[in-house]
């Protein structure tokens, strides 16, 4: 018998949406979060880079029940080079309380934060 997964935040999962936006040419990855207008932004985290490419963005929000939606766009600083031979993935997540309520994953090329 298969395992059934439940999400106690089902209502919020329907309200939150995250989209990883890749530039058509060389440029930086951004992330768009669509959310209920009464939810509050608590912060975000981008994968701390070691020697490899960044792999995720996590946005933290409070619950929201408004039917009015707002959108926030975040610049990640992570580079995407469509012609680069190294491929990986970059995932955008939205967390409300202790549950992931939205996710999006895109294939990227050499997603690194340029050295300053």
PDB file of N, CA and C in Angstrom:
ATOM      1  N   UNK A   1       0.844  -1.170   0.000  1.00  0.00           N
ATOM      2  CA  UNK A   1       0.000   0.000   0.000  1.00  0.00           C
ATOM      3  C   UNK A   1       0.891   1.234   0.000  1.00  0.00           C
ATOM      4  N   UNK A   2       0.556   2.210  -0.830  1.00  0.00           N
ATOM      5  CA  UNK A   2       1.353   3.431  -0.944  1.00  0.00           C
ATOM      6  C   UNK A   2       1.186   4.344   0.252  1.00  0.00           C
ATOM      7  N   UNK A   3       2.176   5.163   0.459  1.00  0.00           N
ATOM      8  CA  UNK A   3       2.162   6.111   1.563  1.00  0.00           C
ATOM      9  C   UNK A   3       1.422   7.376   1.134  1.00  0.00           C
ATOM     10  N   UNK A   4       0.566   7.880   1.986  1.00  0.00           N
ATOM     11  CA  UNK A   4      -0.196   9.087   1.692  1.00  0.00           C
ATOM     12  C   UNK A   4       0.443  10.256   2.427  1.00  0.00           C
ATOM     13  N   UNK A   5       0.767  11.309   1.680  1.00  0.00           N
ATOM     14  CA  UNK A   5       1.347  12.502   2.287  1.00  0.00           C
ATOM     15  C   UNK A   5       0.241  13.520   2.504  1.00  0.00           C
ATOM     16  N   UNK A   6       0.229  14.134   3.678  1.00  0.00           N
ATOM     17  CA  UNK A   6      -0.749  15.184   3.948  1.00  0.00           C
ATOM     18  C   UNK A   6      -0.013  16.487   4.211  1.00  0.00           C
ATOM     19  N   UNK A   7      -0.674  17.577   3.975  1.00  0.00           N
ATOM     20  CA  UNK A   7      -0.115  18.894   4.227  1.00  0.00           C
ATOM     21  C   UNK A   7      -1.117  19.664   5.064  1.00  0.00           C
ATOM     22  N   UNK A   8      -0.793  19.876   6.344  1.00  0.00           N
ATOM     23  CA  UNK A   8      -1.735  20.542   7.228  1.00  0.00           C
ATOM     24  C   UNK A   8      -1.947  21.999   6.837  1.00  0.00           C
ATOM     25  N   UNK A   9      -1.120  22.539   5.958  1.00  0.00           N
ATOM     26  CA  UNK A   9      -1.257  23.908   5.506  1.00  0.00           C
ATOM     27  C   UNK A   9      -1.792  23.943   4.083  1.00  0.00           C
ATOM     28  N   UNK A  10      -2.722  23.066   3.782  1.00  0.00           N
ATOM     29  CA  UNK A  10      -3.264  22.939   2.433  1.00  0.00           C
ATOM     30  C   UNK A  10      -3.837  24.259   1.914  1.00  0.00           C
ATOM     31  N   UNK A  11      -4.512  25.013   2.751  1.00  0.00           N
ATOM     32  CA  UNK A  11      -5.111  26.276   2.308  1.00  0.00           C
ATOM     33  C   UNK A  11      -4.018  27.243   1.862  1.00  0.00           C
ATOM     34  N   UNK A  12      -2.939  27.358   2.637  1.00  0.00           N
ATOM     35  CA  UNK A  12      -1.857  28.243   2.260  1.00  0.00           C
ATOM     36  C   UNK A  12      -1.150  27.753   1.010  1.00  0.00           C
ATOM     37  N   UNK A  13      -1.040  26.461   0.838  1.00  0.00           N
ATOM     38  CA  UNK A  13      -0.364  25.934  -0.342  1.00  0.00           C
ATOM     39  C   UNK A  13      -1.080  26.384  -1.604  1.00  0.00           C
ATOM     40  N   UNK A  14      -2.395  26.556  -1.514  1.00  0.00           N
ATOM     41  CA  UNK A  14      -3.150  27.016  -2.660  1.00  0.00           C
ATOM     42  C   UNK A  14      -2.934  28.516  -2.883  1.00  0.00           C
ATOM     43  N   UNK A  15      -2.547  29.254  -1.831  1.00  0.00           N
ATOM     44  CA  UNK A  15      -2.439  30.705  -1.916  1.00  0.00           C
ATOM     45  C   UNK A  15      -1.045  31.189  -2.284  1.00  0.00           C
ATOM     46  N   UNK A  16      -0.013  30.475  -1.912  1.00  0.00           N
ATOM     47  CA  UNK A  16       1.358  30.885  -2.171  1.00  0.00           C
ATOM     48  C   UNK A  16       1.852  30.239  -3.461  1.00  0.00           C
ATOM     49  N   UNK A  17       2.626  31.007  -4.216  1.00  0.00           N
ATOM     50  CA  UNK A  17       3.238  30.473  -5.430  1.00  0.00           C
ATOM     51  C   UNK A  17       4.634  31.068  -5.541  1.00  0.00           C
ATOM     52  N   UNK A  18       5.603  30.256  -5.937  1.00  0.00           N
ATOM     53  CA  UNK A  18       6.967  30.740  -6.138  1.00  0.00           C
ATOM     54  C   UNK A  18       7.395  30.374  -7.554  1.00  0.00           C
ATOM     55  N   UNK A  19       8.109  31.307  -8.200  1.00  0.00           N
ATOM     56  CA  UNK A  19       8.592  31.085  -9.558  1.00  0.00           C
ATOM     57  C   UNK A  19      10.054  31.496  -9.636  1.00  0.00           C
ATOM     58  N   UNK A  20      10.913  30.563 -10.056  1.00  0.00           N
ATOM     59  CA  UNK A  20      12.320  30.865 -10.311  1.00  0.00           C
ATOM     60  C   UNK A  20      12.381  31.441 -11.727  1.00  0.00           C
ATOM     61  N   UNK A  21      12.959  32.636 -11.857  1.00  0.00           N
ATOM     62  CA  UNK A  21      13.005  33.329 -13.148  1.00  0.00           C
ATOM     63  C   UNK A  21      14.445  33.338 -13.659  1.00  0.00           C
ATOM     64  N   UNK A  22      14.642  32.654 -14.789  1.00  0.00           N
ATOM     65  CA  UNK A  22      15.961  32.613 -15.415  1.00  0.00           C
ATOM     66  C   UNK A  22      16.026  33.657 -16.524  1.00  0.00           C
ATOM     67  N   UNK A  23      17.136  34.392 -16.614  1.00  0.00           N
ATOM     68  CA  UNK A  23      17.274  35.346 -17.715  1.00  0.00           C
ATOM     69  C   UNK A  23      17.472  34.601 -19.038  1.00  0.00           C
ATOM     70  N   UNK A  24      17.024  35.193 -20.132  1.00  0.00           N
ATOM     71  CA  UNK A  24      17.160  34.565 -21.452  1.00  0.00           C
ATOM     72  C   UNK A  24      18.610  34.545 -21.918  1.00  0.00           C
ATOM     73  N   UNK A  25      19.371  35.532 -21.471  1.00  0.00           N
ATOM     74  CA  UNK A  25      20.792  35.584 -21.788  1.00  0.00           C
ATOM     75  C   UNK A  25      21.549  35.598 -20.465  1.00  0.00           C
ATOM     76  N   UNK A  26      22.872  35.751 -20.512  1.00  0.00           N
ATOM     77  CA  UNK A  26      23.658  35.792 -19.280  1.00  0.00           C
ATOM     78  C   UNK A  26      23.085  36.834 -18.331  1.00  0.00           C
ATOM     79  N   UNK A  27      22.927  36.459 -17.076  1.00  0.00           N
ATOM     80  CA  UNK A  27      22.383  37.392 -16.097  1.00  0.00           C
ATOM     81  C   UNK A  27      22.096  36.695 -14.789  1.00  0.00           C
ATOM     82  N   UNK A  28      21.391  37.389 -13.919  1.00  0.00           N
ATOM     83  CA  UNK A  28      21.130  36.886 -12.574  1.00  0.00           C
ATOM     84  C   UNK A  28      19.740  36.271 -12.457  1.00  0.00           C
ATOM     85  N   UNK A  29      19.662  35.214 -11.669  1.00  0.00           N
ATOM     86  CA  UNK A  29      18.406  34.540 -11.372  1.00  0.00           C
ATOM     87  C   UNK A  29      17.633  35.382 -10.363  1.00  0.00           C
ATOM     88  N   UNK A  30      16.329  35.509 -10.566  1.00  0.00           N
ATOM     89  CA  UNK A  30      15.477  36.157  -9.568  1.00  0.00           C
ATOM     90  C   UNK A  30      14.356  35.183  -9.190  1.00  0.00           C
ATOM     91  N   UNK A  31      13.685  35.495  -8.099  1.00  0.00           N
ATOM     92  CA  UNK A  31      12.607  34.641  -7.591  1.00  0.00           C
ATOM     93  C   UNK A  31      11.402  35.521  -7.300  1.00  0.00           C
ATOM     94  N   UNK A  32      10.241  35.092  -7.793  1.00  0.00           N
ATOM     95  CA  UNK A  32       9.000  35.825  -7.558  1.00  0.00           C
ATOM     96  C   UNK A  32       8.111  34.998  -6.639  1.00  0.00           C
ATOM     97  N   UNK A  33       7.607  35.632  -5.569  1.00  0.00           N
ATOM     98  CA  UNK A  33       6.701  34.981  -4.627  1.00  0.00           C
ATOM     99  C   UNK A  33       5.358  35.693  -4.690  1.00  0.00           C
ATOM    100  N   UNK A  34       4.314  34.942  -5.023  1.00  0.00           N
ATOM    101  CA  UNK A  34       2.957  35.466  -4.997  1.00  0.00           C
ATOM    102  C   UNK A  34       2.316  34.972  -3.709  1.00  0.00           C
ATOM    103  N   UNK A  35       1.672  35.891  -2.973  1.00  0.00           N
ATOM    104  CA  UNK A  35       1.194  35.567  -1.627  1.00  0.00           C
ATOM    105  C   UNK A  35      -0.066  36.350  -1.298  1.00  0.00           C
ATOM    106  N   UNK A  36      -0.813  35.887  -0.273  1.00  0.00           N
ATOM    107  CA  UNK A  36      -1.954  36.673   0.204  1.00  0.00           C
ATOM    108  C   UNK A  36      -1.460  38.026   0.727  1.00  0.00           C
ATOM    109  N   UNK A  37      -2.226  39.073   0.482  1.00  0.00           N
ATOM    110  CA  UNK A  37      -1.808  40.427   0.847  1.00  0.00           C
ATOM    111  C   UNK A  37      -1.578  40.592   2.346  1.00  0.00           C
ATOM    112  N   UNK A  38      -2.254  39.807   3.174  1.00  0.00           N
ATOM    113  CA  UNK A  38      -2.095  39.967   4.619  1.00  0.00           C
ATOM    114  C   UNK A  38      -1.008  39.072   5.217  1.00  0.00           C
ATOM    115  N   UNK A  39      -0.294  38.312   4.404  1.00  0.00           N
ATOM    116  CA  UNK A  39       0.838  37.550   4.935  1.00  0.00           C
ATOM    117  C   UNK A  39       2.023  38.499   5.078  1.00  0.00           C
ATOM    118  N   UNK A  40       2.925  38.188   5.974  1.00  0.00           N
ATOM    119  CA  UNK A  40       4.073  39.049   6.237  1.00  0.00           C
ATOM    120  C   UNK A  40       5.365  38.330   5.871  1.00  0.00           C
ATOM    121  N   UNK A  41       6.243  39.076   5.224  1.00  0.00           N
ATOM    122  CA  UNK A  41       7.577  38.594   4.876  1.00  0.00           C
ATOM    123  C   UNK A  41       8.431  38.565   6.143  1.00  0.00           C
ATOM    124  N   UNK A  42       9.059  37.436   6.436  1.00  0.00           N
ATOM    125  CA  UNK A  42       9.908  37.307   7.624  1.00  0.00           C
ATOM    126  C   UNK A  42      11.392  37.306   7.280  1.00  0.00           C
ATOM    127  N   UNK A  43      11.722  36.991   6.044  1.00  0.00           N
ATOM    128  CA  UNK A  43      13.120  36.943   5.622  1.00  0.00           C
ATOM    129  C   UNK A  43      13.313  35.876   4.566  1.00  0.00           C
ATOM    130  N   UNK A  44      14.551  35.781   4.087  1.00  0.00           N
ATOM    131  CA  UNK A  44      14.857  34.735   3.125  1.00  0.00           C
ATOM    132  C   UNK A  44      16.305  34.290   3.276  1.00  0.00           C
ATOM    133  N   UNK A  45      16.596  33.162   2.679  1.00  0.00           N
ATOM    134  CA  UNK A  45      17.946  32.611   2.692  1.00  0.00           C
ATOM    135  C   UNK A  45      18.268  32.118   1.294  1.00  0.00           C
ATOM    136  N   UNK A  46      19.492  32.391   0.861  1.00  0.00           N
ATOM    137  CA  UNK A  46      19.998  31.850  -0.398  1.00  0.00           C
ATOM    138  C   UNK A  46      21.144  30.932  -0.024  1.00  0.00           C
ATOM    139  N   UNK A  47      21.179  29.783  -0.667  1.00  0.00           N
ATOM    140  CA  UNK A  47      22.206  28.785  -0.399  1.00  0.00           C
ATOM    141  C   UNK A  47      23.575  29.436  -0.231  1.00  0.00           C
ATOM    142  N   UNK A  48      24.215  29.242   0.927  1.00  0.00           N
ATOM    143  CA  UNK A  48      25.573  29.775   1.071  1.00  0.00           C
ATOM    144  C   UNK A  48      26.499  28.979   0.154  1.00  0.00           C
ATOM    145  N   UNK A  49      27.294  29.684  -0.612  1.00  0.00           N
ATOM    146  CA  UNK A  49      28.143  29.023  -1.603  1.00  0.00           C
ATOM    147  C   UNK A  49      29.456  28.564  -0.995  1.00  0.00           C
ATOM    148  N   UNK A  50      29.840  27.374  -1.359  1.00  0.00           N
ATOM    149  CA  UNK A  50      31.186  26.898  -1.045  1.00  0.00           C
ATOM    150  C   UNK A  50      31.943  26.946  -2.367  1.00  0.00           C
ATOM    151  N   UNK A  51      32.228  25.795  -2.926  1.00  0.00           N
ATOM    152  CA  UNK A  51      32.882  25.763  -4.227  1.00  0.00           C
ATOM    153  C   UNK A  51      31.897  25.514  -5.356  1.00  0.00           C
ATOM    154  N   UNK A  52      30.665  25.184  -5.028  1.00  0.00           N
ATOM    155  CA  UNK A  52      29.700  24.840  -6.058  1.00  0.00           C
ATOM    156  C   UNK A  52      28.686  25.936  -6.288  1.00  0.00           C
ATOM    157  N   UNK A  53      27.804  25.699  -7.229  1.00  0.00           N
ATOM    158  CA  UNK A  53      26.767  26.687  -7.520  1.00  0.00           C
ATOM    159  C   UNK A  53      25.696  26.738  -6.432  1.00  0.00           C
ATOM    160  N   UNK A  54      25.064  27.906  -6.295  1.00  0.00           N
ATOM    161  CA  UNK A  54      23.951  28.036  -5.353  1.00  0.00           C
ATOM    162  C   UNK A  54      22.824  27.149  -5.822  1.00  0.00           C
ATOM    163  N   UNK A  55      22.072  26.576  -4.877  1.00  0.00           N
ATOM    164  CA  UNK A  55      21.054  25.612  -5.245  1.00  0.00           C
ATOM    165  C   UNK A  55      19.649  25.973  -4.786  1.00  0.00           C
ATOM    166  N   UNK A  56      19.504  26.959  -3.883  1.00  0.00           N
ATOM    167  CA  UNK A  56      18.152  27.248  -3.412  1.00  0.00           C
ATOM    168  C   UNK A  56      17.966  28.667  -2.902  1.00  0.00           C
ATOM    169  N   UNK A  57      16.690  29.089  -2.910  1.00  0.00           N
ATOM    170  CA  UNK A  57      16.188  30.301  -2.280  1.00  0.00           C
ATOM    171  C   UNK A  57      15.036  29.841  -1.395  1.00  0.00           C
ATOM    172  N   UNK A  58      15.015  30.261  -0.134  1.00  0.00           N
ATOM    173  CA  UNK A  58      13.905  29.949   0.758  1.00  0.00           C
ATOM    174  C   UNK A  58      13.350  31.262   1.285  1.00  0.00           C
ATOM    175  N   UNK A  59      12.064  31.512   1.031  1.00  0.00           N
ATOM    176  CA  UNK A  59      11.381  32.691   1.551  1.00  0.00           C
ATOM    177  C   UNK A  59      10.506  32.280   2.728  1.00  0.00           C
ATOM    178  N   UNK A  60      10.573  33.034   3.819  1.00  0.00           N
ATOM    179  CA  UNK A  60       9.807  32.734   5.026  1.00  0.00           C
ATOM    180  C   UNK A  60       8.699  33.779   5.197  1.00  0.00           C
ATOM    181  N   UNK A  61       7.468  33.296   5.389  1.00  0.00           N
ATOM    182  CA  UNK A  61       6.294  34.167   5.503  1.00  0.00           C
ATOM    183  C   UNK A  61       5.385  33.687   6.628  1.00  0.00           C
ATOM    184  N   UNK A  62       4.531  34.611   7.101  1.00  0.00           N
ATOM    185  CA  UNK A  62       3.464  34.228   8.025  1.00  0.00           C
ATOM    186  C   UNK A  62       2.269  33.772   7.196  1.00  0.00           C
ATOM    187  N   UNK A  63       1.298  33.167   7.859  1.00  0.00           N
ATOM    188  CA  UNK A  63       0.071  32.754   7.180  1.00  0.00           C
ATOM    189  C   UNK A  63      -0.667  33.980   6.668  1.00  0.00           C
ATOM    190  N   UNK A  64      -1.480  33.763   5.663  1.00  0.00           N
ATOM    191  CA  UNK A  64      -2.333  34.820   5.143  1.00  0.00           C
ATOM    192  C   UNK A  64      -3.630  34.205   4.664  1.00  0.00           C
ATOM    193  N   UNK A  65      -4.721  34.938   4.817  1.00  0.00           N
ATOM    194  CA  UNK A  65      -6.013  34.398   4.399  1.00  0.00           C
ATOM    195  C   UNK A  65      -6.724  35.307   3.405  1.00  0.00           C
ATOM    196  N   UNK A  66      -6.111  36.421   3.061  1.00  0.00           N
ATOM    197  CA  UNK A  66      -6.728  37.376   2.140  1.00  0.00           C
ATOM    198  C   UNK A  66      -6.846  36.769   0.750  1.00  0.00           C
ATOM    199  N   UNK A  67      -7.926  37.086   0.074  1.00  0.00           N
ATOM    200  CA  UNK A  67      -8.062  36.643  -1.317  1.00  0.00           C
ATOM    201  C   UNK A  67      -7.334  37.597  -2.261  1.00  0.00           C
ATOM    202  N   UNK A  68      -6.939  38.778  -1.756  1.00  0.00           N
ATOM    203  CA  UNK A  68      -6.126  39.706  -2.541  1.00  0.00           C
ATOM    204  C   UNK A  68      -4.684  39.214  -2.529  1.00  0.00           C
ATOM    205  N   UNK A  69      -4.072  39.183  -3.706  1.00  0.00           N
ATOM    206  CA  UNK A  69      -2.714  38.675  -3.816  1.00  0.00           C
ATOM    207  C   UNK A  69      -1.729  39.813  -4.075  1.00  0.00           C
ATOM    208  N   UNK A  70      -0.509  39.643  -3.575  1.00  0.00           N
ATOM    209  CA  UNK A  70       0.599  40.550  -3.851  1.00  0.00           C
ATOM    210  C   UNK A  70       1.765  39.711  -4.321  1.00  0.00           C
ATOM    211  N   UNK A  71       2.719  40.352  -4.992  1.00  0.00           N
ATOM    212  CA  UNK A  71       3.897  39.639  -5.473  1.00  0.00           C
ATOM    213  C   UNK A  71       5.153  40.369  -5.025  1.00  0.00           C
ATOM    214  N   UNK A  72       6.149  39.602  -4.588  1.00  0.00           N
ATOM    215  CA  UNK A  72       7.460  40.117  -4.215  1.00  0.00           C
ATOM    216  C   UNK A  72       8.477  39.466  -5.140  1.00  0.00           C
ATOM    217  N   UNK A  73       9.422  40.246  -5.650  1.00  0.00           N
ATOM    218  CA  UNK A  73      10.486  39.697  -6.484  1.00  0.00           C
ATOM    219  C   UNK A  73      11.816  39.947  -5.795  1.00  0.00           C
ATOM    220  N   UNK A  74      12.637  38.908  -5.722  1.00  0.00           N
ATOM    221  CA  UNK A  74      13.926  38.975  -5.046  1.00  0.00           C
ATOM    222  C   UNK A  74      15.042  38.695  -6.036  1.00  0.00           C
ATOM    223  N   UNK A  75      16.039  39.557  -6.038  1.00  0.00           N
ATOM    224  CA  UNK A  75      17.240  39.328  -6.831  1.00  0.00           C
ATOM    225  C   UNK A  75      18.150  38.438  -6.001  1.00  0.00           C
ATOM    226  N   UNK A  76      18.618  37.351  -6.583  1.00  0.00           N
ATOM    227  CA  UNK A  76      19.427  36.401  -5.816  1.00  0.00           C
ATOM    228  C   UNK A  76      20.911  36.688  -5.897  1.00  0.00           C
ATOM    229  N   UNK A  77      21.353  37.394  -6.930  1.00  0.00           N
ATOM    230  CA  UNK A  77      22.789  37.591  -7.128  1.00  0.00           C
ATOM    231  C   UNK A  77      23.456  36.372  -7.746  1.00  0.00           C
ATOM    232  N   UNK A  78      22.686  35.328  -8.008  1.00  0.00           N
ATOM    233  CA  UNK A  78      23.229  34.091  -8.571  1.00  0.00           C
ATOM    234  C   UNK A  78      23.232  34.208 -10.092  1.00  0.00           C
ATOM    235  N   UNK A  79      24.396  33.988 -10.692  1.00  0.00           N
ATOM    236  CA  UNK A  79      24.548  34.114 -12.143  1.00  0.00           C
ATOM    237  C   UNK A  79      24.033  32.877 -12.872  1.00  0.00           C
ATOM    238  N   UNK A  80      23.484  33.115 -14.062  1.00  0.00           N
ATOM    239  CA  UNK A  80      23.031  32.049 -14.961  1.00  0.00           C
ATOM    240  C   UNK A  80      23.641  32.329 -16.332  1.00  0.00           C
ATOM    241  N   UNK A  81      24.387  31.361 -16.849  1.00  0.00           N
ATOM    242  CA  UNK A  81      25.014  31.486 -18.159  1.00  0.00           C
ATOM    243  C   UNK A  81      24.483  30.366 -19.042  1.00  0.00           C
ATOM    244  N   UNK A  82      23.472  30.611 -19.881  1.00  0.00           N
ATOM    245  CA  UNK A  82      22.846  29.555 -20.663  1.00  0.00           C
ATOM    246  C   UNK A  82      23.808  28.712 -21.496  1.00  0.00           C
ATOM    247  N   UNK A  83      24.927  29.280 -21.945  1.00  0.00           N
ATOM    248  CA  UNK A  83      25.867  28.532 -22.786  1.00  0.00           C
ATOM    249  C   UNK A  83      26.905  27.749 -21.980  1.00  0.00           C
ATOM    250  N   UNK A  84      26.915  27.890 -20.679  1.00  0.00           N
ATOM    251  CA  UNK A  84      27.928  27.220 -19.855  1.00  0.00           C
ATOM    252  C   UNK A  84      27.692  25.717 -19.843  1.00  0.00           C
ATOM    253  N   UNK A  85      28.767  24.902 -19.882  1.00  0.00           N
ATOM    254  CA  UNK A  85      28.594  23.445 -19.947  1.00  0.00           C
ATOM    255  C   UNK A  85      28.139  22.791 -18.643  1.00  0.00           C
ATOM    256  N   UNK A  86      28.320  23.454 -17.503  1.00  0.00           N
ATOM    257  CA  UNK A  86      27.941  22.856 -16.219  1.00  0.00           C
ATOM    258  C   UNK A  86      26.479  23.163 -15.932  1.00  0.00           C
ATOM    259  N   UNK A  87      25.699  22.113 -15.689  1.00  0.00           N
ATOM    260  CA  UNK A  87      24.276  22.269 -15.416  1.00  0.00           C
ATOM    261  C   UNK A  87      23.968  21.832 -13.991  1.00  0.00           C
ATOM    262  N   UNK A  88      23.054  22.519 -13.343  1.00  0.00           N
ATOM    263  CA  UNK A  88      22.599  22.149 -12.004  1.00  0.00           C
ATOM    264  C   UNK A  88      21.143  22.587 -11.903  1.00  0.00           C
ATOM    265  N   UNK A  89      20.589  22.572 -10.723  1.00  0.00           N
ATOM    266  CA  UNK A  89      19.230  23.063 -10.551  1.00  0.00           C
ATOM    267  C   UNK A  89      19.213  24.131  -9.473  1.00  0.00           C
ATOM    268  N   UNK A  90      18.230  25.021  -9.550  1.00  0.00           N
ATOM    269  CA  UNK A  90      18.023  26.049  -8.545  1.00  0.00           C
ATOM    270  C   UNK A  90      16.565  25.951  -8.130  1.00  0.00           C
ATOM    271  N   UNK A  91      16.324  25.854  -6.819  1.00  0.00           N
ATOM    272  CA  UNK A  91      14.986  25.647  -6.292  1.00  0.00           C
ATOM    273  C   UNK A  91      14.544  26.862  -5.485  1.00  0.00           C
ATOM    274  N   UNK A  92      13.319  27.291  -5.716  1.00  0.00           N
ATOM    275  CA  UNK A  92      12.695  28.327  -4.907  1.00  0.00           C
ATOM    276  C   UNK A  92      11.660  27.679  -4.004  1.00  0.00           C
ATOM    277  N   UNK A  93      11.710  27.980  -2.711  1.00  0.00           N
ATOM    278  CA  UNK A  93      10.770  27.431  -1.733  1.00  0.00           C
ATOM    279  C   UNK A  93      10.139  28.567  -0.943  1.00  0.00           C
ATOM    280  N   UNK A  94       8.884  28.371  -0.530  1.00  0.00           N
ATOM    281  CA  UNK A  94       8.228  29.275   0.414  1.00  0.00           C
ATOM    282  C   UNK A  94       7.836  28.445   1.623  1.00  0.00           C
ATOM    283  N   UNK A  95       8.199  28.942   2.814  1.00  0.00           N
ATOM    284  CA  UNK A  95       7.910  28.250   4.069  1.00  0.00           C
ATOM    285  C   UNK A  95       6.985  29.128   4.914  1.00  0.00           C
ATOM    286  N   UNK A  96       5.896  28.521   5.394  1.00  0.00           N
ATOM    287  CA  UNK A  96       4.979  29.167   6.330  1.00  0.00           C
ATOM    288  C   UNK A  96       4.972  28.293   7.571  1.00  0.00           C
ATOM    289  N   UNK A  97       5.281  28.899   8.706  1.00  0.00           N
ATOM    290  CA  UNK A  97       5.473  28.170   9.961  1.00  0.00           C
ATOM    291  C   UNK A  97       6.536  27.111   9.730  1.00  0.00           C
ATOM    292  N   UNK A  98       6.192  25.840   9.776  1.00  0.00           N
ATOM    293  CA  UNK A  98       7.213  24.804   9.574  1.00  0.00           C
ATOM    294  C   UNK A  98       6.916  23.938   8.354  1.00  0.00           C
ATOM    295  N   UNK A  99       6.182  24.477   7.387  1.00  0.00           N
ATOM    296  CA  UNK A  99       5.801  23.693   6.209  1.00  0.00           C
ATOM    297  C   UNK A  99       6.194  24.407   4.920  1.00  0.00           C
ATOM    298  N   UNK A 100       6.682  23.645   3.960  1.00  0.00           N
ATOM    299  CA  UNK A 100       6.922  24.160   2.616  1.00  0.00           C
ATOM    300  C   UNK A 100       5.569  24.212   1.921  1.00  0.00           C
ATOM    301  N   UNK A 101       5.159  25.417   1.484  1.00  0.00           N
ATOM    302  CA  UNK A 101       3.840  25.575   0.881  1.00  0.00           C
ATOM    303  C   UNK A 101       3.901  25.857  -0.616  1.00  0.00           C
ATOM    304  N   UNK A 102       5.092  26.126  -1.141  1.00  0.00           N
ATOM    305  CA  UNK A 102       5.241  26.345  -2.579  1.00  0.00           C
ATOM    306  C   UNK A 102       6.678  26.031  -2.974  1.00  0.00           C
ATOM    307  N   UNK A 103       6.842  25.503  -4.184  1.00  0.00           N
ATOM    308  CA  UNK A 103       8.186  25.211  -4.682  1.00  0.00           C
ATOM    309  C   UNK A 103       8.222  25.302  -6.196  1.00  0.00           C
ATOM    310  N   UNK A 104       9.407  25.641  -6.709  1.00  0.00           N
ATOM    311  CA  UNK A 104       9.655  25.660  -8.142  1.00  0.00           C
ATOM    312  C   UNK A 104      11.126  25.334  -8.345  1.00  0.00           C
ATOM    313  N   UNK A 105      11.417  24.540  -9.355  1.00  0.00           N
ATOM    314  CA  UNK A 105      12.808  24.162  -9.638  1.00  0.00           C
ATOM    315  C   UNK A 105      13.072  24.360 -11.120  1.00  0.00           C
ATOM    316  N   UNK A 106      14.231  24.973 -11.415  1.00  0.00           N
ATOM    317  CA  UNK A 106      14.643  25.184 -12.801  1.00  0.00           C
ATOM    318  C   UNK A 106      16.072  24.675 -12.982  1.00  0.00           C
ATOM    319  N   UNK A 107      16.378  24.196 -14.187  1.00  0.00           N
ATOM    320  CA  UNK A 107      17.752  23.829 -14.544  1.00  0.00           C
ATOM    321  C   UNK A 107      18.513  25.115 -14.821  1.00  0.00           C
ATOM    322  N   UNK A 108      19.702  25.242 -14.276  1.00  0.00           N
ATOM    323  CA  UNK A 108      20.524  26.431 -14.466  1.00  0.00           C
ATOM    324  C   UNK A 108      21.895  26.015 -14.975  1.00  0.00           C
ATOM    325  N   UNK A 109      22.632  26.991 -15.423  1.00  0.00           N
ATOM    326  CA  UNK A 109      24.007  26.788 -15.905  1.00  0.00           C
ATOM    327  C   UNK A 109      24.951  27.630 -15.092  1.00  0.00           C
ATOM    328  N   UNK A 110      25.854  26.952 -14.362  1.00  0.00           N
ATOM    329  CA  UNK A 110      26.900  27.617 -13.586  1.00  0.00           C
ATOM    330  C   UNK A 110      26.334  28.703 -12.670  1.00  0.00           C
ATOM    331  N   UNK A 111      25.361  28.349 -11.836  1.00  0.00           N
ATOM    332  CA  UNK A 111      24.747  29.330 -10.950  1.00  0.00           C
ATOM    333  C   UNK A 111      25.640  29.730  -9.808  1.00  0.00           C
ATOM    334  N   UNK A 112      26.520  30.652 -10.021  1.00  0.00           N
ATOM    335  CA  UNK A 112      27.442  31.114  -8.981  1.00  0.00           C
ATOM    336  C   UNK A 112      27.243  32.599  -8.725  1.00  0.00           C
ATOM    337  N   UNK A 113      27.470  32.992  -7.492  1.00  0.00           N
ATOM    338  CA  UNK A 113      27.488  34.420  -7.171  1.00  0.00           C
ATOM    339  C   UNK A 113      28.859  34.925  -7.565  1.00  0.00           C
ATOM    340  N   UNK A 114      28.943  35.955  -8.408  1.00  0.00           N
ATOM    341  CA  UNK A 114      30.259  36.447  -8.821  1.00  0.00           C
ATOM    342  C   UNK A 114      31.027  37.028  -7.646  1.00  0.00           C
ATOM    343  N   UNK A 115      32.340  36.838  -7.678  1.00  0.00           N
ATOM    344  CA  UNK A 115      33.176  37.378  -6.596  1.00  0.00           C
ATOM    345  C   UNK A 115      33.196  38.890  -6.691  1.00  0.00           C
ATOM    346  N   UNK A 116      33.200  39.521  -5.522  1.00  0.00           N
ATOM    347  CA  UNK A 116      33.137  40.988  -5.481  1.00  0.00           C
ATOM    348  C   UNK A 116      34.507  41.575  -5.300  1.00  0.00           C
TER     349      UNK A 116
END
